[in-house]
C-alpha atoms as a PDB file:
ATOM      1  CA  MET A   1      88.863  84.164 121.787  1.00  0.00           C
ATOM      2  CA  SER A   2      87.665  86.124 118.964  1.00  0.00           C
ATOM      3  CA  ALA A   3      89.537  86.556 115.975  1.00  0.00           C
ATOM      4  CA  PRO A   4      90.950  90.292 116.209  1.00  0.00           C
ATOM      5  CA  PRO A   5      88.939  92.601 114.751  1.00  0.00           C
ATOM      6  CA  LEU A   6      91.584  94.673 112.776  1.00  0.00           C
ATOM      7  CA  LEU A   7      93.412  93.495 109.875  1.00  0.00           C
ATOM      8  CA  ILE A   8      96.226  95.251 108.273  1.00  0.00           C
ATOM      9  CA  GLY A   9      97.548  94.788 104.994  1.00  0.00           C
ATOM     10  CA  LEU A  10     101.456  95.124 104.966  1.00  0.00           C
ATOM     11  CA  THR A  11     103.647  95.903 101.693  1.00  0.00           C
ATOM     12  CA  GLY A  12     106.008  97.765  99.920  1.00  0.00           C
ATOM     13  CA  GLY A  13     108.311  96.906  96.774  1.00  0.00           C
ATOM     14  CA  ILE A  14     111.159  94.245  96.482  1.00  0.00           C
ATOM     15  CA  GLY A  15     114.230  94.440  98.909  1.00  0.00           C
ATOM     16  CA  SER A  16     112.226  97.522 101.030  1.00  0.00           C
ATOM     17  CA  GLY A  17     112.500  95.270 104.386  1.00  0.00           C
ATOM     18  CA  LYS A  18     108.519  94.314 105.087  1.00  0.00           C
ATOM     19  CA  SER A  19     109.862  90.696 106.463  1.00  0.00           C
ATOM     20  CA  THR A  20     112.146  92.590 108.931  1.00  0.00           C
ATOM     21  CA  VAL A  21     109.128  95.323 109.839  1.00  0.00           C
ATOM     22  CA  ALA A  22     107.258  92.295 110.148  1.00  0.00           C
ATOM     23  CA  LYS A  23     109.277  90.739 112.572  1.00  0.00           C
ATOM     24  CA  LEU A  24     109.367  94.097 114.736  1.00  0.00           C
ATOM     25  CA  PHE A  25     105.437  93.995 114.755  1.00  0.00           C
ATOM     26  CA  ALA A  26     105.308  90.159 116.058  1.00  0.00           C
ATOM     27  CA  GLN A  27     107.630  91.378 118.780  1.00  0.00           C
ATOM     28  CA  HIS A  28     104.682  93.524 119.994  1.00  0.00           C
ATOM     29  CA  GLY A  29     102.472  90.592 119.801  1.00  0.00           C
ATOM     30  CA  ALA A  30     101.151  91.349 116.616  1.00  0.00           C
ATOM     31  CA  ARG A  31      99.626  88.008 114.484  1.00  0.00           C
ATOM     32  CA  ILE A  32     101.453  87.703 111.592  1.00  0.00           C
ATOM     33  CA  ILE A  33     100.114  86.229 107.812  1.00  0.00           C
ATOM     34  CA  ASP A  34     103.255  86.066 105.085  1.00  0.00           C
ATOM     35  CA  THR A  35     101.356  84.942 102.036  1.00  0.00           C
ATOM     36  CA  ASP A  36     105.001  84.408 100.634  1.00  0.00           C
ATOM     37  CA  VAL A  37     105.205  81.306 103.410  1.00  0.00           C
ATOM     38  CA  ILE A  38     101.789  80.500 102.161  1.00  0.00           C
ATOM     39  CA  SER A  39     102.984  80.413  98.730  1.00  0.00           C
ATOM     40  CA  HIS A  40     106.052  78.125  99.524  1.00  0.00           C
ATOM     41  CA  ALA A  41     103.581  75.512 101.581  1.00  0.00           C
ATOM     42  CA  LEU A  42     101.422  75.391  98.661  1.00  0.00           C
ATOM     43  CA  THR A  43     104.118  74.845  96.116  1.00  0.00           C
ATOM     44  CA  HIS A  44     107.004  72.428  98.500  1.00  0.00           C
ATOM     45  CA  SER A  45     106.114  68.338  98.350  1.00  0.00           C
ATOM     46  CA  GLY A  46     102.842  67.617  99.136  1.00  0.00           C
ATOM     47  CA  GLY A  47     101.913  71.039  98.117  1.00  0.00           C
ATOM     48  CA  ALA A  48      98.152  71.728  97.544  1.00  0.00           C
ATOM     49  CA  ALA A  49      98.936  72.990  94.021  1.00  0.00           C
ATOM     50  CA  ILE A  50     101.500  70.630  92.742  1.00  0.00           C
ATOM     51  CA  ALA A  51      99.153  68.404  90.930  1.00  0.00           C
ATOM     52  CA  ALA A  52      97.509  71.737  88.783  1.00  0.00           C
ATOM     53  CA  ILE A  53     101.286  72.888  87.971  1.00  0.00           C
ATOM     54  CA  ARG A  54     101.766  69.430  87.114  1.00  0.00           C
ATOM     55  CA  ALA A  55      98.678  69.324  84.475  1.00  0.00           C
ATOM     56  CA  ALA A  56      99.744  73.036  83.543  1.00  0.00           C
ATOM     57  CA  PHE A  57     103.162  72.828  82.766  1.00  0.00           C
ATOM     58  CA  GLY A  58     104.246  69.747  82.928  1.00  0.00           C
ATOM     59  CA  ASP A  59     106.615  66.704  85.234  1.00  0.00           C
ATOM     60  CA  GLU A  60     109.653  68.949  84.154  1.00  0.00           C
ATOM     61  CA  TYR A  61     108.622  71.805  86.369  1.00  0.00           C
ATOM     62  CA  ILE A  62     108.696  69.324  89.433  1.00  0.00           C
ATOM     63  CA  ASP A  63     111.798  68.239  91.275  1.00  0.00           C
ATOM     64  CA  ALA A  64     112.994  65.043  92.445  1.00  0.00           C
ATOM     65  CA  HIS A  65     111.370  65.658  95.562  1.00  0.00           C
ATOM     66  CA  GLY A  66     107.790  66.548  94.509  1.00  0.00           C
ATOM     67  CA  ALA A  67     108.092  69.973  94.868  1.00  0.00           C
ATOM     68  CA  LEU A  68     107.823  73.182  92.235  1.00  0.00           C
ATOM     69  CA  ASP A  69     111.337  73.303  90.324  1.00  0.00           C
ATOM     70  CA  ARG A  70     111.816  77.126  91.467  1.00  0.00           C
ATOM     71  CA  ALA A  71     114.837  77.870  88.888  1.00  0.00           C
ATOM     72  CA  LYS A  72     113.222  76.497  86.227  1.00  0.00           C
ATOM     73  CA  MET A  73     109.939  78.280  86.902  1.00  0.00           C
ATOM     74  CA  ARG A  74     111.325  81.978  87.854  1.00  0.00           C
ATOM     75  CA  ALA A  75     113.346  81.124  83.649  1.00  0.00           C
ATOM     76  CA  LEU A  76     109.824  80.252  82.375  1.00  0.00           C
ATOM     77  CA  VAL A  77     107.906  83.349  83.690  1.00  0.00           C
ATOM     78  CA  PHE A  78     110.370  86.181  83.230  1.00  0.00           C
ATOM     79  CA  ALA A  79     110.129  85.084  79.831  1.00  0.00           C
ATOM     80  CA  ASP A  80     106.752  84.548  79.058  1.00  0.00           C
ATOM     81  CA  PRO A  81     104.016  87.219  80.408  1.00  0.00           C
ATOM     82  CA  ALA A  82     101.334  84.207  79.516  1.00  0.00           C
ATOM     83  CA  GLN A  83     102.922  81.536  81.632  1.00  0.00           C
ATOM     84  CA  LYS A  84     103.248  83.677  84.763  1.00  0.00           C
ATOM     85  CA  GLN A  85      99.549  84.480  84.257  1.00  0.00           C
ATOM     86  CA  ARG A  86      98.721  80.351  83.990  1.00  0.00           C
ATOM     87  CA  LEU A  87     100.934  79.906  87.403  1.00  0.00           C
ATOM     88  CA  GLN A  88      99.649  83.031  89.193  1.00  0.00           C
ATOM     89  CA  ASN A  89      96.223  81.878  88.485  1.00  0.00           C
ATOM     90  CA  ILE A  90      96.614  78.150  89.823  1.00  0.00           C
ATOM     91  CA  LEU A  91      98.284  80.274  93.100  1.00  0.00           C
ATOM     92  CA  HIS A  92      96.989  83.695  93.930  1.00  0.00           C
ATOM     93  CA  PRO A  93      93.392  82.013  94.961  1.00  0.00           C
ATOM     94  CA  LEU A  94      94.727  79.067  96.719  1.00  0.00           C
ATOM     95  CA  ILE A  95      97.054  81.894  98.577  1.00  0.00           C
ATOM     96  CA  ARG A  96      93.900  84.242  98.852  1.00  0.00           C
ATOM     97  CA  GLU A  97      91.872  81.218 100.644  1.00  0.00           C
ATOM     98  CA  GLN A  98      93.963  80.575 103.139  1.00  0.00           C
ATOM     99  CA  SER A  99      95.366  83.787 103.770  1.00  0.00           C
ATOM    100  CA  TRP A 100      91.606  84.467 104.952  1.00  0.00           C
ATOM    101  CA  ARG A 101      90.726  81.195 106.885  1.00  0.00           C
ATOM    102  CA  LYS A 102      93.930  81.921 108.933  1.00  0.00           C
ATOM    103  CA  SER A 103      93.054  85.660 109.241  1.00  0.00           C
ATOM    104  CA  ALA A 104      89.721  84.546 110.601  1.00  0.00           C
ATOM    105  CA  THR A 105      90.865  82.025 113.193  1.00  0.00           C
ATOM    106  CA  ALA A 106      90.932  82.813 117.222  1.00  0.00           C
ATOM    107  CA  SER A 107      94.005  84.371 118.138  1.00  0.00           C
ATOM    108  CA  PRO A 108      95.139  86.457 121.160  1.00  0.00           C
ATOM    109  CA  ALA A 109      97.231  88.697 119.302  1.00  0.00           C
ATOM    110  CA  PRO A 110      95.183  92.409 119.251  1.00  0.00           C
ATOM    111  CA  TYR A 111      95.904  92.260 115.438  1.00  0.00           C
ATOM    112  CA  THR A 112      96.845  90.787 112.628  1.00  0.00           C
ATOM    113  CA  LEU A 113      98.976  91.808 109.861  1.00  0.00           C
ATOM    114  CA  LEU A 114      98.661  90.121 106.180  1.00  0.00           C
ATOM    115  CA  VAL A 115     101.974  90.513 104.179  1.00  0.00           C
ATOM    116  CA  VAL A 116     101.442  90.675 100.792  1.00  0.00           C
ATOM    117  CA  PRO A 117     104.052  91.726  98.014  1.00  0.00           C
ATOM    118  CA  LEU A 118     101.907  92.319  95.714  1.00  0.00           C
ATOM    119  CA  LEU A 119      98.996  94.014  97.902  1.00  0.00           C
ATOM    120  CA  PHE A 120      97.906  96.848  95.195  1.00  0.00           C
ATOM    121  CA  GLU A 121      98.872  94.788  92.317  1.00  0.00           C
ATOM    122  CA  SER A 122      96.378  91.615  93.536  1.00  0.00           C
ATOM    123  CA  THR A 123      92.511  91.462  93.510  1.00  0.00           C
ATOM    124  CA  GLY A 124      91.132  90.231  96.293  1.00  0.00           C
ATOM    125  CA  TYR A 125      92.449  91.517  99.360  1.00  0.00           C
ATOM    126  CA  ARG A 126      91.610  95.406 100.116  1.00  0.00           C
ATOM    127  CA  PRO A 127      87.896  94.939 100.782  1.00  0.00           C
ATOM    128  CA  GLY A 128      88.945  92.655 103.541  1.00  0.00           C
ATOM    129  CA  LEU A 129      91.308  95.044 104.882  1.00  0.00           C
ATOM    130  CA  GLY A 130      91.005  97.622 107.407  1.00  0.00           C
ATOM    131  CA  ARG A 131      94.361  99.585 107.014  1.00  0.00           C
ATOM    132  CA  THR A 132      97.074  99.279 104.691  1.00  0.00           C
ATOM    133  CA  LEU A 133     100.237  99.699 105.652  1.00  0.00           C
ATOM    134  CA  VAL A 134     103.855 100.533 103.206  1.00  0.00           C
ATOM    135  CA  VAL A 135     107.050  99.780 103.629  1.00  0.00           C
ATOM    136  CA  ASP A 136     109.081 102.580 101.443  1.00  0.00           C
ATOM    137  CA  CYS A 137     112.552 102.773 100.464  1.00  0.00           C
ATOM    138  CA  PRO A 138     114.497 104.736  98.032  1.00  0.00           C
ATOM    139  CA  GLU A 139     114.446 102.426  94.385  1.00  0.00           C
ATOM    140  CA  GLU A 140     118.315 102.681  94.418  1.00  0.00           C
ATOM    141  CA  LEU A 141     118.305 100.998  97.701  1.00  0.00           C
ATOM    142  CA  GLN A 142     115.714  98.435  96.733  1.00  0.00           C
ATOM    143  CA  ILE A 143     118.157  97.638  93.836  1.00  0.00           C
ATOM    144  CA  ALA A 144     121.322  97.198  96.376  1.00  0.00           C
ATOM    145  CA  ARG A 145     119.468  95.531  99.051  1.00  0.00           C
ATOM    146  CA  THR A 146     117.539  93.176  96.619  1.00  0.00           C
ATOM    147  CA  MET A 147     120.898  92.287  94.709  1.00  0.00           C
ATOM    148  CA  GLN A 148     122.868  91.560  97.852  1.00  0.00           C
ATOM    149  CA  ARG A 149     120.068  89.284  98.707  1.00  0.00           C
ATOM    150  CA  SER A 150     119.014  87.650  95.977  1.00  0.00           C
ATOM    151  CA  GLY A 151     122.304  87.628  93.891  1.00  0.00           C
ATOM    152  CA  LEU A 152     120.640  88.540  91.189  1.00  0.00           C
ATOM    153  CA  ASP A 153     122.079  91.545  88.814  1.00  0.00           C
ATOM    154  CA  ARG A 154     120.767  94.926  88.586  1.00  0.00           C
ATOM    155  CA  ALA A 155     118.817  93.682  85.198  1.00  0.00           C
ATOM    156  CA  ALA A 156     117.205  91.250  86.804  1.00  0.00           C
ATOM    157  CA  VAL A 157     116.150  93.440  89.930  1.00  0.00           C
ATOM    158  CA  GLU A 158     114.992  96.060  87.810  1.00  0.00           C
ATOM    159  CA  SER A 159     112.530  93.750  85.658  1.00  0.00           C
ATOM    160  CA  ILE A 160     110.837  92.642  88.680  1.00  0.00           C
ATOM    161  CA  MET A 161     110.650  96.450  90.147  1.00  0.00           C
ATOM    162  CA  ALA A 162     108.768  97.198  86.966  1.00  0.00           C
ATOM    163  CA  GLN A 163     106.230  94.646  86.989  1.00  0.00           C
ATOM    164  CA  GLN A 164     105.427  96.134  90.264  1.00  0.00           C
ATOM    165  CA  ILE A 165     103.630  99.382  90.097  1.00  0.00           C
ATOM    166  CA  ASP A 166     105.940 102.565  91.171  1.00  0.00           C
ATOM    167  CA  ARG A 167     106.607 103.891  94.291  1.00  0.00           C
ATOM    168  CA  LYS A 168     104.360 107.028  94.057  1.00  0.00           C
ATOM    169  CA  GLN A 169     101.691 104.996  93.312  1.00  0.00           C
ATOM    170  CA  ARG A 170     102.460 102.577  95.949  1.00  0.00           C
ATOM    171  CA  LEU A 171     102.261 105.255  98.876  1.00  0.00           C
ATOM    172  CA  ALA A 172      99.463 107.352  97.523  1.00  0.00           C
ATOM    173  CA  LEU A 173      97.461 104.211  97.612  1.00  0.00           C
ATOM    174  CA  ALA A 174      98.987 103.643 101.111  1.00  0.00           C
ATOM    175  CA  ASP A 175      96.791 104.403 104.695  1.00  0.00           C
ATOM    176  CA  ASP A 176     100.702 104.465 106.723  1.00  0.00           C
ATOM    177  CA  ILE A 177     103.828 104.331 105.648  1.00  0.00           C
ATOM    178  CA  ILE A 178     107.180 103.248 107.138  1.00  0.00           C
ATOM    179  CA  SER A 179     110.350 104.495 106.113  1.00  0.00           C
ATOM    180  CA  ASN A 180     113.125 102.469 105.943  1.00  0.00           C
ATOM    181  CA  GLU A 181     116.178 103.817 104.751  1.00  0.00           C
ATOM    182  CA  GLY A 182     118.647 101.765 106.894  1.00  0.00           C
ATOM    183  CA  GLN A 183     118.491 103.594 110.561  1.00  0.00           C
ATOM    184  CA  ALA A 184     117.185 101.059 112.529  1.00  0.00           C
ATOM    185  CA  GLY A 185     116.973 102.590 115.754  1.00  0.00           C
ATOM    186  CA  ASP A 186     114.203 104.902 113.380  1.00  0.00           C
ATOM    187  CA  LEU A 187     112.900 101.603 112.118  1.00  0.00           C
ATOM    188  CA  ASP A 188     111.966 100.509 115.994  1.00  0.00           C
ATOM    189  CA  GLU A 189     110.560 104.128 116.646  1.00  0.00           C
ATOM    190  CA  GLN A 190     108.231 103.916 113.716  1.00  0.00           C
ATOM    191  CA  VAL A 191     107.205 100.308 114.465  1.00  0.00           C
ATOM    192  CA  ASP A 192     106.446 101.561 117.774  1.00  0.00           C
ATOM    193  CA  ARG A 193     104.570 104.522 116.851  1.00  0.00           C
ATOM    194  CA  LEU A 194     102.267 102.575 114.986  1.00  0.00           C
ATOM    195  CA  HIS A 195     101.731  99.385 117.335  1.00  0.00           C
ATOM    196  CA  SER A 196      99.940 101.773 119.639  1.00  0.00           C
ATOM    197  CA  LYS A 197      97.708 103.340 116.580  1.00  0.00           C
ATOM    198  CA  TYR A 198      96.698  99.861 116.094  1.00  0.00           C
ATOM    199  CA  LEU A 199      95.861  99.044 119.752  1.00  0.00           C
ATOM    200  CA  THR A 200      93.445 101.736 119.782  1.00  0.00           C
ATOM    201  CA  ILE A 201      91.691 100.961 116.232  1.00  0.00           C
ATOM    202  CA  ALA A 202      91.451  97.290 117.541  1.00  0.00           C
ATOM    203  CA  ALA A 203      90.207  98.605 121.139  1.00  0.00           C
ATOM    204  CA  ARG A 204      87.227 100.950 119.067  1.00  0.00           C
ATOM    205  CA  SER A 205      86.620  97.987 116.809  1.00  0.00           C
ATOM    206  CA  ASP A 206      85.493  95.075 119.880  1.00  0.00           C
END
């Protein structure tokens, strides 16, 4: 079977519920390609990015197992935007290349969701997408969810959010929006509706 003709970029601010929404679409048979999963594989022991990271940052940023020392790197890039850019210059081209390669492979799925947390902030993704889908929730809910999930304090979460485009911009750029304010049944209903819509669009693309 040929690769699905419809590729949808799924994004949203930190704590918005992107992973939850992606799982619901997967239950409908959508193929999910998650750039966070790709990034973790690239920086795991033996990952394709490890040699370049070691060369750029030194052995102290590689742990005893040969993987990226995430805690040490997180502290570095939060404190120094130039170091963050160096890391992104290594990772982002590799993530994009693997994303496109995976999305081009044959699949029985009717469409593919490419999960990119910084979809609108990054270059190189949007021209290849058929649609963009934003998972949205109020900023206070983003902060509360992220603090509960990650153990970060409020200042750290707000610092992460400040590096993302604001909520208004993100919503203005979206083709489709899912509101995730905590009502599970409502989330299911929205995913069901969009799944039907994407099936229709994918059928027209055949």
